[in-house]
Amino acid sequence: SRDWSSDVCSSDLESKNPHQYQVKGMLVTNTQKRKQGDILSDMRSIPGVTIVTPKDYHGGDTPIDNRRYTVELSVKIDPHPFSTFGKKEILNILNQIKKVDGVISYKPSKIVKRIA
């Protein structure tokens, strides 16, 4: 497993006018345990997460009653709710996504891209 945490550039994060960030990665969920919509809703409720956008990864997979439903997940992060915002806060958000009930794994691949 790749240690992607070092890819988060601290100089980009620690600014007086923080930008929004986008993290893309692979999400595997168990939709036999919980509905995909409920899992994504829980992700959206994490402080700092503003948009969660799934994109089908396997054309034939269905999100209904699937033990290992895989999607490409794009997560938009807004630092506004935090008094300070840096690498630690982004890593915390990504770890909270992994802990959502029904998530089997979440592996970021494109790490923290600034959104203008």
Protein backbone atom coordinates (compact mmCIF):
# COMPACT_ATOMS: atom_id res chain seq x y z
CA SER A 1 0.00 0.00 0.00
CA ARG A 2 1.38 3.38 -1.04
CA ASP A 3 2.06 5.99 1.66
CA TRP A 4 0.29 8.88 -0.04
CA SER A 5 0.30 11.15 3.03
CA SER A 6 3.70 12.57 2.04
CA ASP A 7 2.18 13.79 -1.26
CA VAL A 8 0.12 16.41 0.53
CA CYS A 9 2.11 19.62 0.13
CA SER A 10 2.12 21.56 3.40
CA SER A 11 3.06 24.85 1.72
CA ASP A 12 -0.12 24.66 -0.39
CA LEU A 13 -2.24 24.06 2.69
CA GLU A 14 -0.95 26.69 5.06
CA SER A 15 -2.04 29.95 3.53
CA LYS A 16 -4.02 32.97 4.66
CA ASN A 17 -6.67 32.30 2.01
CA PRO A 18 -7.09 28.53 1.96
CA HIS A 19 -8.37 27.00 -1.25
CA GLN A 20 -10.67 24.08 -1.71
CA TYR A 21 -9.09 20.72 -2.48
CA GLN A 22 -10.09 17.67 -4.45
CA VAL A 23 -9.02 14.13 -3.70
CA LYS A 24 -9.69 11.28 -6.12
CA GLY A 25 -9.42 7.61 -5.33
CA MET A 26 -10.96 4.17 -5.40
CA LEU A 27 -13.80 3.40 -2.99
CA VAL A 28 -15.03 -0.13 -2.27
CA THR A 29 -18.29 -0.50 -0.36
CA ASN A 30 -20.53 -3.31 0.85
CA THR A 31 -23.99 -2.44 -0.43
CA GLN A 32 -25.39 -5.65 1.05
CA LYS A 33 -24.72 -4.07 4.44
CA ARG A 34 -25.88 -0.50 3.59
CA LYS A 35 -27.28 1.32 0.59
CA GLN A 36 -24.71 3.23 -1.46
CA GLY A 37 -26.69 6.46 -1.06
CA ASP A 38 -26.57 6.16 2.73
CA ILE A 39 -22.81 5.55 2.70
CA LEU A 40 -22.20 8.60 0.49
CA SER A 41 -24.53 10.69 2.66
CA ASP A 42 -22.46 9.83 5.73
CA MET A 43 -19.33 10.94 3.87
CA ARG A 44 -20.96 14.27 3.00
CA SER A 45 -21.70 14.84 6.70
CA ILE A 46 -17.97 14.82 7.60
CA PRO A 47 -16.90 18.40 8.47
CA GLY A 48 -14.97 19.91 5.56
CA VAL A 49 -16.42 17.55 2.93
CA THR A 50 -18.65 19.49 0.55
CA ILE A 51 -19.12 17.21 -2.46
CA VAL A 52 -18.75 13.44 -2.88
CA THR A 53 -19.01 12.29 -6.50
CA PRO A 54 -18.89 8.59 -7.39
CA LYS A 55 -18.14 7.39 -10.92
CA ASP A 56 -18.78 3.78 -11.95
CA TYR A 57 -15.57 1.81 -12.21
CA HIS A 58 -16.87 -1.52 -13.54
CA GLY A 59 -19.57 -1.15 -16.16
CA GLY A 60 -21.45 -4.30 -15.13
CA ASP A 61 -21.38 -3.79 -11.37
CA THR A 62 -24.54 -2.76 -9.62
CA PRO A 63 -24.66 -0.74 -6.40
CA ILE A 64 -27.57 -2.87 -5.19
CA ASP A 65 -26.78 -5.82 -2.91
CA ASN A 66 -23.10 -5.98 -3.87
CA ARG A 67 -20.42 -7.06 -1.37
CA ARG A 68 -17.62 -5.20 -3.14
CA TYR A 69 -19.06 -2.34 -5.16
CA THR A 70 -16.17 -0.26 -6.56
CA VAL A 71 -16.35 3.35 -7.74
CA GLU A 72 -13.91 6.13 -8.51
CA LEU A 73 -14.64 8.69 -5.81
CA SER A 74 -13.98 12.41 -6.02
CA VAL A 75 -14.13 14.27 -2.70
CA LYS A 76 -14.14 18.06 -2.51
CA ILE A 77 -12.74 19.47 0.75
CA ASP A 78 -13.42 22.99 1.99
CA PRO A 79 -11.13 24.19 4.80
CA HIS A 80 -13.64 26.86 5.88
CA PRO A 81 -15.07 25.00 8.94
CA PHE A 82 -11.60 24.73 10.50
CA SER A 83 -9.79 27.39 12.51
CA THR A 84 -6.51 25.99 11.19
CA PHE A 85 -6.20 23.80 8.12
CA GLY A 86 -3.25 21.73 7.02
CA LYS A 87 -2.03 18.28 6.11
CA LYS A 88 -3.24 16.86 9.42
CA GLU A 89 -6.84 17.93 8.78
CA ILE A 90 -6.90 16.48 5.25
CA LEU A 91 -5.50 13.16 6.48
CA ASN A 92 -8.10 13.14 9.27
CA ILE A 93 -10.92 13.66 6.75
CA LEU A 94 -9.62 10.84 4.55
CA ASN A 95 -9.38 8.53 7.58
CA GLN A 96 -12.95 9.40 8.58
CA ILE A 97 -14.12 8.38 5.09
CA LYS A 98 -12.49 4.98 5.60
CA LYS A 99 -14.41 4.55 8.88
CA VAL A 100 -17.88 5.16 7.43
CA ASP A 101 -20.11 2.13 8.01
CA GLY A 102 -20.22 0.11 4.78
CA VAL A 103 -16.83 1.28 3.46
CA ILE A 104 -14.46 -1.63 2.84
CA SER A 105 -11.59 0.50 1.55
CA TYR A 106 -10.76 3.95 0.25
CA LYS A 107 -7.45 4.47 -1.54
CA PRO A 108 -6.69 7.99 -2.75
CA SER A 109 -4.70 8.09 -5.99
CA LYS A 110 -4.72 11.76 -7.04
CA ILE A 111 -3.75 13.51 -3.87
CA VAL A 112 -5.05 16.93 -2.96
CA LYS A 113 -5.40 18.98 -6.08
CA ARG A 114 -6.08 22.65 -5.44
CA ILE A 115 -9.29 23.95 -6.94
CA ALA A 116 -9.15 27.54 -8.19
